[in-house]
PDB file of N, CA and C in Angstrom:
ATOM      1  N   GLN A   1       0.815  -1.201   0.000  1.00  0.00           N
ATOM      2  CA  GLN A   1       0.000   0.000   0.000  1.00  0.00           C
ATOM      3  C   GLN A   1       0.856   1.261   0.000  1.00  0.00           C
ATOM      4  N   ALA A   2       2.041   1.184   0.558  1.00  0.00           N
ATOM      5  CA  ALA A   2       2.911   2.359   0.605  1.00  0.00           C
ATOM      6  C   ALA A   2       3.277   2.818  -0.803  1.00  0.00           C
ATOM      7  N   SER A   3       3.572   1.879  -1.675  1.00  0.00           N
ATOM      8  CA  SER A   3       3.910   2.223  -3.052  1.00  0.00           C
ATOM      9  C   SER A   3       2.704   2.790  -3.783  1.00  0.00           C
ATOM     10  N   GLN A   4       1.567   2.204  -3.556  1.00  0.00           N
ATOM     11  CA  GLN A   4       0.329   2.654  -4.190  1.00  0.00           C
ATOM     12  C   GLN A   4      -0.002   4.084  -3.780  1.00  0.00           C
ATOM     13  N   ARG A   5       0.252   4.408  -2.537  1.00  0.00           N
ATOM     14  CA  ARG A   5      -0.082   5.739  -2.010  1.00  0.00           C
ATOM     15  C   ARG A   5       1.024   6.771  -2.183  1.00  0.00           C
ATOM     16  N   GLY A   6       2.163   6.355  -2.705  1.00  0.00           N
ATOM     17  CA  GLY A   6       3.255   7.296  -2.933  1.00  0.00           C
ATOM     18  C   GLY A   6       4.064   7.628  -1.698  1.00  0.00           C
ATOM     19  N   LEU A   7       4.105   6.721  -0.742  1.00  0.00           N
ATOM     20  CA  LEU A   7       4.815   6.953   0.519  1.00  0.00           C
ATOM     21  C   LEU A   7       6.260   6.464   0.389  1.00  0.00           C
ATOM     22  N   PHE A   8       7.077   7.293  -0.247  1.00  0.00           N
ATOM     23  CA  PHE A   8       8.449   6.898  -0.557  1.00  0.00           C
ATOM     24  C   PHE A   8       9.239   6.493   0.674  1.00  0.00           C
ATOM     25  N   GLU A   9       9.201   7.290   1.725  1.00  0.00           N
ATOM     26  CA  GLU A   9       9.995   6.992   2.920  1.00  0.00           C
ATOM     27  C   GLU A   9       9.593   5.659   3.545  1.00  0.00           C
ATOM     28  N   VAL A  10       8.324   5.331   3.484  1.00  0.00           N
ATOM     29  CA  VAL A  10       7.854   4.047   4.022  1.00  0.00           C
ATOM     30  C   VAL A  10       8.378   2.904   3.158  1.00  0.00           C
ATOM     31  N   VAL A  11       8.271   3.047   1.841  1.00  0.00           N
ATOM     32  CA  VAL A  11       8.789   2.023   0.927  1.00  0.00           C
ATOM     33  C   VAL A  11      10.284   1.828   1.175  1.00  0.00           C
ATOM     34  N   LYS A  12      11.001   2.924   1.252  1.00  0.00           N
ATOM     35  CA  LYS A  12      12.451   2.885   1.466  1.00  0.00           C
ATOM     36  C   LYS A  12      12.791   2.133   2.752  1.00  0.00           C
ATOM     37  N   LYS A  13      12.109   2.462   3.820  1.00  0.00           N
ATOM     38  CA  LYS A  13      12.362   1.818   5.113  1.00  0.00           C
ATOM     39  C   LYS A  13      12.070   0.320   5.042  1.00  0.00           C
ATOM     40  N   LEU A  14      10.945  -0.054   4.464  1.00  0.00           N
ATOM     41  CA  LEU A  14      10.567  -1.468   4.371  1.00  0.00           C
ATOM     42  C   LEU A  14      11.601  -2.282   3.592  1.00  0.00           C
ATOM     43  N   ILE A  15      12.091  -1.716   2.500  1.00  0.00           N
ATOM     44  CA  ILE A  15      13.076  -2.424   1.674  1.00  0.00           C
ATOM     45  C   ILE A  15      14.430  -2.483   2.376  1.00  0.00           C
ATOM     46  N   LEU A  16      14.890  -1.351   2.889  1.00  0.00           N
ATOM     47  CA  LEU A  16      16.220  -1.302   3.499  1.00  0.00           C
ATOM     48  C   LEU A  16      16.316  -2.116   4.783  1.00  0.00           C
ATOM     49  N   LEU A  17      15.216  -2.251   5.501  1.00  0.00           N
ATOM     50  CA  LEU A  17      15.206  -3.051   6.734  1.00  0.00           C
ATOM     51  C   LEU A  17      14.802  -4.504   6.476  1.00  0.00           C
ATOM     52  N   ASN A  18      14.695  -4.859   5.206  1.00  0.00           N
ATOM     53  CA  ASN A  18      14.303  -6.219   4.802  1.00  0.00           C
ATOM     54  C   ASN A  18      12.965  -6.658   5.388  1.00  0.00           C
ATOM     55  N   GLU A  19      12.079  -5.706   5.589  1.00  0.00           N
ATOM     56  CA  GLU A  19      10.729  -6.032   6.053  1.00  0.00           C
ATOM     57  C   GLU A  19       9.813  -6.348   4.874  1.00  0.00           C
ATOM     58  N   ALA A  20      10.265  -5.998   3.696  1.00  0.00           N
ATOM     59  CA  ALA A  20       9.552  -6.307   2.454  1.00  0.00           C
ATOM     60  C   ALA A  20      10.592  -6.424   1.352  1.00  0.00           C
ATOM     61  N   GLY A  21      10.277  -7.207   0.342  1.00  0.00           N
ATOM     62  CA  GLY A  21      11.173  -7.347  -0.798  1.00  0.00           C
ATOM     63  C   GLY A  21      10.643  -6.577  -1.993  1.00  0.00           C
ATOM     64  N   ALA A  22      11.531  -6.192  -2.871  1.00  0.00           N
ATOM     65  CA  ALA A  22      11.141  -5.411  -4.047  1.00  0.00           C
ATOM     66  C   ALA A  22      10.200  -6.180  -4.967  1.00  0.00           C
ATOM     67  N   ASN A  23      10.183  -7.505  -4.854  1.00  0.00           N
ATOM     68  CA  ASN A  23       9.333  -8.320  -5.726  1.00  0.00           C
ATOM     69  C   ASN A  23       8.200  -9.020  -4.991  1.00  0.00           C
ATOM     70  N   ASP A  24       7.974  -8.652  -3.736  1.00  0.00           N
ATOM     71  CA  ASP A  24       6.852  -9.234  -2.992  1.00  0.00           C
ATOM     72  C   ASP A  24       5.544  -8.850  -3.672  1.00  0.00           C
ATOM     73  N   LYS A  25       4.592  -9.766  -3.649  1.00  0.00           N
ATOM     74  CA  LYS A  25       3.278  -9.496  -4.246  1.00  0.00           C
ATOM     75  C   LYS A  25       2.215  -9.390  -3.157  1.00  0.00           C
ATOM     76  N   ASP A  26       1.219  -8.568  -3.431  1.00  0.00           N
ATOM     77  CA  ASP A  26       0.118  -8.384  -2.489  1.00  0.00           C
ATOM     78  C   ASP A  26      -1.031  -9.329  -2.824  1.00  0.00           C
ATOM     79  N   GLU A  27      -2.161  -9.133  -2.166  1.00  0.00           N
ATOM     80  CA  GLU A  27      -3.319 -10.007  -2.368  1.00  0.00           C
ATOM     81  C   GLU A  27      -3.903  -9.892  -3.775  1.00  0.00           C
ATOM     82  N   GLN A  28      -3.532  -8.842  -4.501  1.00  0.00           N
ATOM     83  CA  GLN A  28      -3.988  -8.679  -5.885  1.00  0.00           C
ATOM     84  C   GLN A  28      -2.945  -9.180  -6.888  1.00  0.00           C
ATOM     85  N   ASN A  29      -1.916  -9.854  -6.364  1.00  0.00           N
ATOM     86  CA  ASN A  29      -0.854 -10.420  -7.190  1.00  0.00           C
ATOM     87  C   ASN A  29      -0.019  -9.339  -7.876  1.00  0.00           C
ATOM     88  N   CYS A  30       0.106  -8.187  -7.220  1.00  0.00           N
ATOM     89  CA  CYS A  30       0.865  -7.066  -7.770  1.00  0.00           C
ATOM     90  C   CYS A  30       2.070  -6.756  -6.887  1.00  0.00           C
ATOM     91  N   THR A  31       3.144  -6.307  -7.528  1.00  0.00           N
ATOM     92  CA  THR A  31       4.328  -5.869  -6.796  1.00  0.00           C
ATOM     93  C   THR A  31       4.231  -4.367  -6.531  1.00  0.00           C
ATOM     94  N   ALA A  32       5.141  -3.878  -5.708  1.00  0.00           N
ATOM     95  CA  ALA A  32       5.200  -2.440  -5.443  1.00  0.00           C
ATOM     96  C   ALA A  32       5.491  -1.663  -6.727  1.00  0.00           C
ATOM     97  N   LEU A  33       6.269  -2.265  -7.636  1.00  0.00           N
ATOM     98  CA  LEU A  33       6.561  -1.585  -8.903  1.00  0.00           C
ATOM     99  C   LEU A  33       5.310  -1.445  -9.759  1.00  0.00           C
ATOM    100  N   HIS A  34       4.436  -2.434  -9.743  1.00  0.00           N
ATOM    101  CA  HIS A  34       3.159  -2.293 -10.456  1.00  0.00           C
ATOM    102  C   HIS A  34       2.405  -1.066  -9.942  1.00  0.00           C
ATOM    103  N   TRP A  35       2.304  -0.953  -8.612  1.00  0.00           N
ATOM    104  CA  TRP A  35       1.551   0.163  -8.024  1.00  0.00           C
ATOM    105  C   TRP A  35       2.225   1.501  -8.303  1.00  0.00           C
ATOM    106  N   ALA A  36       3.549   1.526  -8.243  1.00  0.00           N
ATOM    107  CA  ALA A  36       4.264   2.767  -8.557  1.00  0.00           C
ATOM    108  C   ALA A  36       4.019   3.166 -10.011  1.00  0.00           C
ATOM    109  N   ALA A  37       4.004   2.180 -10.904  1.00  0.00           N
ATOM    110  CA  ALA A  37       3.808   2.461 -12.331  1.00  0.00           C
ATOM    111  C   ALA A  37       2.411   2.986 -12.622  1.00  0.00           C
ATOM    112  N   ILE A  38       1.405   2.344 -12.061  1.00  0.00           N
ATOM    113  CA  ILE A  38       0.036   2.761 -12.370  1.00  0.00           C
ATOM    114  C   ILE A  38      -0.299   4.116 -11.758  1.00  0.00           C
ATOM    115  N   ASN A  39       0.365   4.455 -10.648  1.00  0.00           N
ATOM    116  CA  ASN A  39       0.097   5.726  -9.973  1.00  0.00           C
ATOM    117  C   ASN A  39       1.148   6.791 -10.265  1.00  0.00           C
ATOM    118  N   ASN A  40       2.084   6.467 -11.152  1.00  0.00           N
ATOM    119  CA  ASN A  40       3.110   7.405 -11.610  1.00  0.00           C
ATOM    120  C   ASN A  40       3.987   7.936 -10.481  1.00  0.00           C
ATOM    121  N   HIS A  41       4.388   7.057  -9.580  1.00  0.00           N
ATOM    122  CA  HIS A  41       5.290   7.423  -8.484  1.00  0.00           C
ATOM    123  C   HIS A  41       6.720   7.107  -8.921  1.00  0.00           C
ATOM    124  N   LEU A  42       7.319   8.057  -9.642  1.00  0.00           N
ATOM    125  CA  LEU A  42       8.629   7.849 -10.261  1.00  0.00           C
ATOM    126  C   LEU A  42       9.734   7.584  -9.256  1.00  0.00           C
ATOM    127  N   GLU A  43       9.767   8.340  -8.180  1.00  0.00           N
ATOM    128  CA  GLU A  43      10.830   8.178  -7.183  1.00  0.00           C
ATOM    129  C   GLU A  43      10.795   6.776  -6.582  1.00  0.00           C
ATOM    130  N   ILE A  44       9.608   6.292  -6.301  1.00  0.00           N
ATOM    131  CA  ILE A  44       9.460   4.942  -5.753  1.00  0.00           C
ATOM    132  C   ILE A  44       9.883   3.910  -6.786  1.00  0.00           C
ATOM    133  N   ALA A  45       9.460   4.081  -8.021  1.00  0.00           N
ATOM    134  CA  ALA A  45       9.828   3.135  -9.081  1.00  0.00           C
ATOM    135  C   ALA A  45      11.344   3.073  -9.252  1.00  0.00           C
ATOM    136  N   LYS A  46      12.005   4.224  -9.281  1.00  0.00           N
ATOM    137  CA  LYS A  46      13.466   4.249  -9.408  1.00  0.00           C
ATOM    138  C   LYS A  46      14.116   3.482  -8.263  1.00  0.00           C
ATOM    139  N   PHE A  47      13.665   3.739  -7.058  1.00  0.00           N
ATOM    140  CA  PHE A  47      14.215   3.075  -5.880  1.00  0.00           C
ATOM    141  C   PHE A  47      14.026   1.564  -5.970  1.00  0.00           C
ATOM    142  N   LEU A  48      12.831   1.136  -6.325  1.00  0.00           N
ATOM    143  CA  LEU A  48      12.543  -0.296  -6.420  1.00  0.00           C
ATOM    144  C   LEU A  48      13.398  -0.968  -7.492  1.00  0.00           C
ATOM    145  N   LEU A  49      13.557  -0.311  -8.623  1.00  0.00           N
ATOM    146  CA  LEU A  49      14.367  -0.880  -9.702  1.00  0.00           C
ATOM    147  C   LEU A  49      15.831  -1.011  -9.285  1.00  0.00           C
ATOM    148  N   ILE A  50      16.342  -0.018  -8.588  1.00  0.00           N
ATOM    149  CA  ILE A  50      17.716  -0.077  -8.083  1.00  0.00           C
ATOM    150  C   ILE A  50      17.876  -1.218  -7.084  1.00  0.00           C
ATOM    151  N   HIS A  51      16.806  -1.521  -6.369  1.00  0.00           N
ATOM    152  CA  HIS A  51      16.849  -2.559  -5.341  1.00  0.00           C
ATOM    153  C   HIS A  51      16.282  -3.902  -5.816  1.00  0.00           C
ATOM    154  N   GLY A  52      16.343  -4.134  -7.110  1.00  0.00           N
ATOM    155  CA  GLY A  52      16.088  -5.462  -7.643  1.00  0.00           C
ATOM    156  C   GLY A  52      14.691  -5.796  -8.107  1.00  0.00           C
ATOM    157  N   ALA A  53      13.817  -4.810  -8.220  1.00  0.00           N
ATOM    158  CA  ALA A  53      12.469  -5.099  -8.723  1.00  0.00           C
ATOM    159  C   ALA A  53      12.560  -5.633 -10.150  1.00  0.00           C
ATOM    160  N   LYS A  54      11.794  -6.668 -10.428  1.00  0.00           N
ATOM    161  CA  LYS A  54      11.765  -7.263 -11.767  1.00  0.00           C
ATOM    162  C   LYS A  54      10.883  -6.407 -12.672  1.00  0.00           C
ATOM    163  N   VAL A  55      11.491  -5.808 -13.673  1.00  0.00           N
ATOM    164  CA  VAL A  55      10.799  -4.843 -14.518  1.00  0.00           C
ATOM    165  C   VAL A  55       9.692  -5.474 -15.358  1.00  0.00           C
ATOM    166  N   ASP A  56       9.820  -6.751 -15.691  1.00  0.00           N
ATOM    167  CA  ASP A  56       8.817  -7.407 -16.534  1.00  0.00           C
ATOM    168  C   ASP A  56       7.925  -8.378 -15.762  1.00  0.00           C
ATOM    169  N   GLU A  57       7.867  -8.234 -14.452  1.00  0.00           N
ATOM    170  CA  GLU A  57       7.017  -9.111 -13.634  1.00  0.00           C
ATOM    171  C   GLU A  57       5.550  -8.894 -13.998  1.00  0.00           C
ATOM    172  N   LYS A  58       4.826  -9.988 -14.176  1.00  0.00           N
ATOM    173  CA  LYS A  58       3.397  -9.894 -14.476  1.00  0.00           C
ATOM    174  C   LYS A  58       2.597  -9.954 -13.184  1.00  0.00           C
ATOM    175  N   GLY A  59       1.483  -9.224 -13.158  1.00  0.00           N
ATOM    176  CA  GLY A  59       0.652  -9.236 -11.964  1.00  0.00           C
ATOM    177  C   GLY A  59      -0.747  -8.725 -12.229  1.00  0.00           C
ATOM    178  N   GLY A  60      -1.582  -8.854 -11.211  1.00  0.00           N
ATOM    179  CA  GLY A  60      -2.965  -8.405 -11.308  1.00  0.00           C
ATOM    180  C   GLY A  60      -3.812  -9.346 -12.139  1.00  0.00           C
ATOM    181  N   ASP A  61      -5.082  -9.009 -12.263  1.00  0.00           N
ATOM    182  CA  ASP A  61      -6.019  -9.835 -13.027  1.00  0.00           C
ATOM    183  C   ASP A  61      -5.636  -9.967 -14.497  1.00  0.00           C
ATOM    184  N   LEU A  62      -5.021  -8.916 -15.044  1.00  0.00           N
ATOM    185  CA  LEU A  62      -4.653  -8.931 -16.462  1.00  0.00           C
ATOM    186  C   LEU A  62      -3.290  -9.565 -16.720  1.00  0.00           C
ATOM    187  N   LEU A  63      -2.602  -9.955 -15.650  1.00  0.00           N
ATOM    188  CA  LEU A  63      -1.229 -10.457 -15.782  1.00  0.00           C
ATOM    189  C   LEU A  63      -0.401  -9.487 -16.620  1.00  0.00           C
ATOM    190  N   ALA A  64      -0.447  -8.232 -16.210  1.00  0.00           N
ATOM    191  CA  ALA A  64       0.234  -7.153 -16.913  1.00  0.00           C
ATOM    192  C   ALA A  64       1.541  -6.799 -16.208  1.00  0.00           C
ATOM    193  N   THR A  65       2.467  -6.247 -16.974  1.00  0.00           N
ATOM    194  CA  THR A  65       3.728  -5.771 -16.413  1.00  0.00           C
ATOM    195  C   THR A  65       3.564  -4.312 -15.977  1.00  0.00           C
ATOM    196  N   PRO A  66       4.518  -3.792 -15.203  1.00  0.00           N
ATOM    197  CA  PRO A  66       4.472  -2.365 -14.878  1.00  0.00           C
ATOM    198  C   PRO A  66       4.434  -1.481 -16.131  1.00  0.00           C
ATOM    199  N   LEU A  67       5.129  -1.900 -17.195  1.00  0.00           N
ATOM    200  CA  LEU A  67       5.096  -1.138 -18.447  1.00  0.00           C
ATOM    201  C   LEU A  67       3.688  -1.086 -19.026  1.00  0.00           C
ATOM    202  N   HIS A  68       2.971  -2.189 -19.007  1.00  0.00           N
ATOM    203  CA  HIS A  68       1.579  -2.187 -19.472  1.00  0.00           C
ATOM    204  C   HIS A  68       0.770  -1.160 -18.689  1.00  0.00           C
ATOM    205  N   TRP A  69       0.917  -1.194 -17.380  1.00  0.00           N
ATOM    206  CA  TRP A  69       0.123  -0.308 -16.523  1.00  0.00           C
ATOM    207  C   TRP A  69       0.467   1.157 -16.775  1.00  0.00           C
ATOM    208  N   ALA A  70       1.752   1.456 -16.916  1.00  0.00           N
ATOM    209  CA  ALA A  70       2.165   2.833 -17.178  1.00  0.00           C
ATOM    210  C   ALA A  70       1.646   3.303 -18.536  1.00  0.00           C
ATOM    211  N   ALA A  71       1.745   2.447 -19.548  1.00  0.00           N
ATOM    212  CA  ALA A  71       1.261   2.804 -20.887  1.00  0.00           C
ATOM    213  C   ALA A  71      -0.247   2.993 -20.885  1.00  0.00           C
ATOM    214  N   ARG A  72      -0.951   2.082 -20.243  1.00  0.00           N
ATOM    215  CA  ARG A  72      -2.415   2.154 -20.172  1.00  0.00           C
ATOM    216  C   ARG A  72      -2.871   3.419 -19.435  1.00  0.00           C
ATOM    217  N   SER A  73      -2.070   3.859 -18.463  1.00  0.00           N
ATOM    218  CA  SER A  73      -2.426   5.035 -17.660  1.00  0.00           C
ATOM    219  C   SER A  73      -1.932   6.337 -18.270  1.00  0.00           C
ATOM    220  N   GLY A  74      -1.147   6.255 -19.343  1.00  0.00           N
ATOM    221  CA  GLY A  74      -0.659   7.459 -20.006  1.00  0.00           C
ATOM    222  C   GLY A  74       0.494   8.145 -19.298  1.00  0.00           C
ATOM    223  N   HIS A  75       1.297   7.388 -18.553  1.00  0.00           N
ATOM    224  CA  HIS A  75       2.413   7.956 -17.788  1.00  0.00           C
ATOM    225  C   HIS A  75       3.714   7.847 -18.585  1.00  0.00           C
ATOM    226  N   LEU A  76       3.955   8.828 -19.436  1.00  0.00           N
ATOM    227  CA  LEU A  76       5.094   8.795 -20.351  1.00  0.00           C
ATOM    228  C   LEU A  76       6.433   8.731 -19.621  1.00  0.00           C
ATOM    229  N   GLN A  77       6.606   9.503 -18.553  1.00  0.00           N
ATOM    230  CA  GLN A  77       7.878   9.469 -17.821  1.00  0.00           C
ATOM    231  C   GLN A  77       8.124   8.096 -17.207  1.00  0.00           C
ATOM    232  N   MET A  78       7.074   7.465 -16.736  1.00  0.00           N
ATOM    233  CA  MET A  78       7.219   6.130 -16.164  1.00  0.00           C
ATOM    234  C   MET A  78       7.577   5.131 -17.256  1.00  0.00           C
ATOM    235  N   VAL A  79       6.929   5.241 -18.403  1.00  0.00           N
ATOM    236  CA  VAL A  79       7.253   4.362 -19.533  1.00  0.00           C
ATOM    237  C   VAL A  79       8.728   4.509 -19.887  1.00  0.00           C
ATOM    238  N   THR A  80       9.201   5.736 -19.957  1.00  0.00           N
ATOM    239  CA  THR A  80      10.601   6.002 -20.280  1.00  0.00           C
ATOM    240  C   THR A  80      11.530   5.384 -19.242  1.00  0.00           C
ATOM    241  N   LEU A  81      11.207   5.556 -17.974  1.00  0.00           N
ATOM    242  CA  LEU A  81      12.015   4.966 -16.899  1.00  0.00           C
ATOM    243  C   LEU A  81      12.076   3.446 -17.032  1.00  0.00           C
ATOM    244  N   LEU A  82      10.947   2.826 -17.265  1.00  0.00           N
ATOM    245  CA  LEU A  82      10.910   1.369 -17.384  1.00  0.00           C
ATOM    246  C   LEU A  82      11.698   0.893 -18.601  1.00  0.00           C
ATOM    247  N   TYR A  83      11.610   1.633 -19.718  1.00  0.00           N
ATOM    248  CA  TYR A  83      12.418   1.294 -20.897  1.00  0.00           C
ATOM    249  C   TYR A  83      13.909   1.374 -20.566  1.00  0.00           C
ATOM    250  N   LYS A  84      14.301   2.408 -19.819  1.00  0.00           N
ATOM    251  CA  LYS A  84      15.712   2.563 -19.443  1.00  0.00           C
ATOM    252  C   LYS A  84      16.199   1.391 -18.599  1.00  0.00           C
ATOM    253  N   HIS A  85      15.288   0.732 -17.936  1.00  0.00           N
ATOM    254  CA  HIS A  85      15.631  -0.441 -17.125  1.00  0.00           C
ATOM    255  C   HIS A  85      15.295  -1.736 -17.868  1.00  0.00           C
ATOM    256  N   HIS A  86      15.240  -1.624 -19.191  1.00  0.00           N
ATOM    257  CA  HIS A  86      15.122  -2.772 -20.096  1.00  0.00           C
ATOM    258  C   HIS A  86      13.783  -3.501 -20.038  1.00  0.00           C
ATOM    259  N   ALA A  87      12.713  -2.756 -19.800  1.00  0.00           N
ATOM    260  CA  ALA A  87      11.383  -3.363 -19.903  1.00  0.00           C
ATOM    261  C   ALA A  87      11.185  -3.836 -21.338  1.00  0.00           C
ATOM    262  N   ASP A  88      10.606  -4.997 -21.480  1.00  0.00           N
ATOM    263  CA  ASP A  88      10.396  -5.595 -22.798  1.00  0.00           C
ATOM    264  C   ASP A  88       9.031  -5.177 -23.348  1.00  0.00           C
ATOM    265  N   PRO A  89       9.010  -4.334 -24.385  1.00  0.00           N
ATOM    266  CA  PRO A  89       7.734  -3.863 -24.925  1.00  0.00           C
ATOM    267  C   PRO A  89       6.945  -4.932 -25.679  1.00  0.00           C
ATOM    268  N   SER A  90       7.557  -6.075 -25.935  1.00  0.00           N
ATOM    269  CA  SER A  90       6.854  -7.128 -26.680  1.00  0.00           C
ATOM    270  C   SER A  90       6.080  -8.094 -25.781  1.00  0.00           C
ATOM    271  N   VAL A  91       6.256  -7.996 -24.465  1.00  0.00           N
ATOM    272  CA  VAL A  91       5.530  -8.875 -23.541  1.00  0.00           C
ATOM    273  C   VAL A  91       4.041  -8.565 -23.637  1.00  0.00           C
ATOM    274  N   VAL A  92       3.211  -9.606 -23.659  1.00  0.00           N
ATOM    275  CA  VAL A  92       1.763  -9.409 -23.744  1.00  0.00           C
ATOM    276  C   VAL A  92       1.084  -9.765 -22.427  1.00  0.00           C
ATOM    277  N   ASP A  93      -0.037  -9.092 -22.165  1.00  0.00           N
ATOM    278  CA  ASP A  93      -0.849  -9.415 -20.987  1.00  0.00           C
ATOM    279  C   ASP A  93      -1.831 -10.526 -21.360  1.00  0.00           C
ATOM    280  N   ASN A  94      -2.742 -10.859 -20.459  1.00  0.00           N
ATOM    281  CA  ASN A  94      -3.639 -11.982 -20.756  1.00  0.00           C
ATOM    282  C   ASN A  94      -4.726 -11.631 -21.775  1.00  0.00           C
ATOM    283  N   GLN A  95      -4.769 -10.382 -22.214  1.00  0.00           N
ATOM    284  CA  GLN A  95      -5.668  -9.992 -23.298  1.00  0.00           C
ATOM    285  C   GLN A  95      -4.941 -10.000 -24.639  1.00  0.00           C
ATOM    286  N   GLY A  96      -3.639 -10.296 -24.597  1.00  0.00           N
ATOM    287  CA  GLY A  96      -2.837 -10.317 -25.813  1.00  0.00           C
ATOM    288  C   GLY A  96      -2.270  -8.969 -26.211  1.00  0.00           C
ATOM    289  N   TYR A  97      -2.344  -7.978 -25.322  1.00  0.00           N
ATOM    290  CA  TYR A  97      -1.841  -6.638 -25.625  1.00  0.00           C
ATOM    291  C   TYR A  97      -0.403  -6.471 -25.162  1.00  0.00           C
ATOM    292  N   ASN A  98       0.405  -5.806 -25.996  1.00  0.00           N
ATOM    293  CA  ASN A  98       1.737  -5.396 -25.570  1.00  0.00           C
ATOM    294  C   ASN A  98       1.720  -3.876 -25.373  1.00  0.00           C
ATOM    295  N   ALA A  99       2.868  -3.301 -25.030  1.00  0.00           N
ATOM    296  CA  ALA A  99       2.920  -1.862 -24.743  1.00  0.00           C
ATOM    297  C   ALA A  99       2.509  -1.016 -25.946  1.00  0.00           C
ATOM    298  N   LEU A 100       2.866  -1.434 -27.146  1.00  0.00           N
ATOM    299  CA  LEU A 100       2.487  -0.692 -28.352  1.00  0.00           C
ATOM    300  C   LEU A 100       0.973  -0.675 -28.531  1.00  0.00           C
ATOM    301  N   HIS A 101       0.335  -1.825 -28.344  1.00  0.00           N
ATOM    302  CA  HIS A 101      -1.132  -1.878 -28.434  1.00  0.00           C
ATOM    303  C   HIS A 101      -1.762  -0.892 -27.454  1.00  0.00           C
ATOM    304  N   LEU A 102      -1.235  -0.872 -26.234  1.00  0.00           N
ATOM    305  CA  LEU A 102      -1.812   0.001 -25.209  1.00  0.00           C
ATOM    306  C   LEU A 102      -1.554   1.472 -25.513  1.00  0.00           C
ATOM    307  N   ALA A 103      -0.377   1.782 -26.061  1.00  0.00           N
ATOM    308  CA  ALA A 103      -0.080   3.162 -26.447  1.00  0.00           C
ATOM    309  C   ALA A 103      -1.057   3.634 -27.519  1.00  0.00           C
ATOM    310  N   ILE A 104      -1.337   2.776 -28.474  1.00  0.00           N
ATOM    311  CA  ILE A 104      -2.303   3.113 -29.525  1.00  0.00           C
ATOM    312  C   ILE A 104      -3.700   3.255 -28.928  1.00  0.00           C
ATOM    313  N   HIS A 105      -4.033   2.357 -28.022  1.00  0.00           N
ATOM    314  CA  HIS A 105      -5.356   2.373 -27.395  1.00  0.00           C
ATOM    315  C   HIS A 105      -5.621   3.692 -26.661  1.00  0.00           C
ATOM    316  N   VAL A 106      -4.607   4.215 -25.968  1.00  0.00           N
ATOM    317  CA  VAL A 106      -4.796   5.485 -25.254  1.00  0.00           C
ATOM    318  C   VAL A 106      -4.392   6.684 -26.119  1.00  0.00           C
ATOM    319  N   ARG A 107      -4.083   6.382 -27.387  1.00  0.00           N
ATOM    320  CA  ARG A 107      -3.759   7.415 -28.376  1.00  0.00           C
ATOM    321  C   ARG A 107      -2.565   8.271 -27.974  1.00  0.00           C
ATOM    322  N   ASN A 108      -1.543   7.631 -27.469  1.00  0.00           N
ATOM    323  CA  ASN A 108      -0.340   8.358 -27.098  1.00  0.00           C
ATOM    324  C   ASN A 108       0.805   7.915 -27.998  1.00  0.00           C
ATOM    325  N   ILE A 109       1.009   8.646 -29.074  1.00  0.00           N
ATOM    326  CA  ILE A 109       2.016   8.270 -30.064  1.00  0.00           C
ATOM    327  C   ILE A 109       3.438   8.466 -29.545  1.00  0.00           C
ATOM    328  N   TYR A 110       3.629   9.167 -28.440  1.00  0.00           N
ATOM    329  CA  TYR A 110       4.969   9.395 -27.913  1.00  0.00           C
ATOM    330  C   TYR A 110       5.624   8.110 -27.428  1.00  0.00           C
ATOM    331  N   TYR A 111       4.843   7.070 -27.162  1.00  0.00           N
ATOM    332  CA  TYR A 111       5.392   5.792 -26.714  1.00  0.00           C
ATOM    333  C   TYR A 111       6.025   5.022 -27.856  1.00  0.00           C
ATOM    334  N   ILE A 112       5.601   5.321 -29.055  1.00  0.00           N
ATOM    335  CA  ILE A 112       5.997   4.528 -30.220  1.00  0.00           C
ATOM    336  C   ILE A 112       7.401   4.897 -30.669  1.00  0.00           C
TER     337      ILE A 112
END
């Protein structure tokens, strides 16, 4: 929930004190990076990626990656950050969509 709410200091403390892992999943099968991506919390996403978050981890009902969520939400800076950390734009969710499909769907040509 800390990542979802943008509570950077809480996320930082949990990771650094080994009270949570960068790839731990919640009851919705999502990691902290998924929540940071969908809510555009760049500072949290950067921290998680530096601390071993898997950039292409699938989660949630759609089995989507953080890149899918960022693209679907129209968060260009987050998409760029995830690309810099080698997010794979060809990965598909359980609907068969990849990041390009989602960029077209939200009509954001800057992702292409």
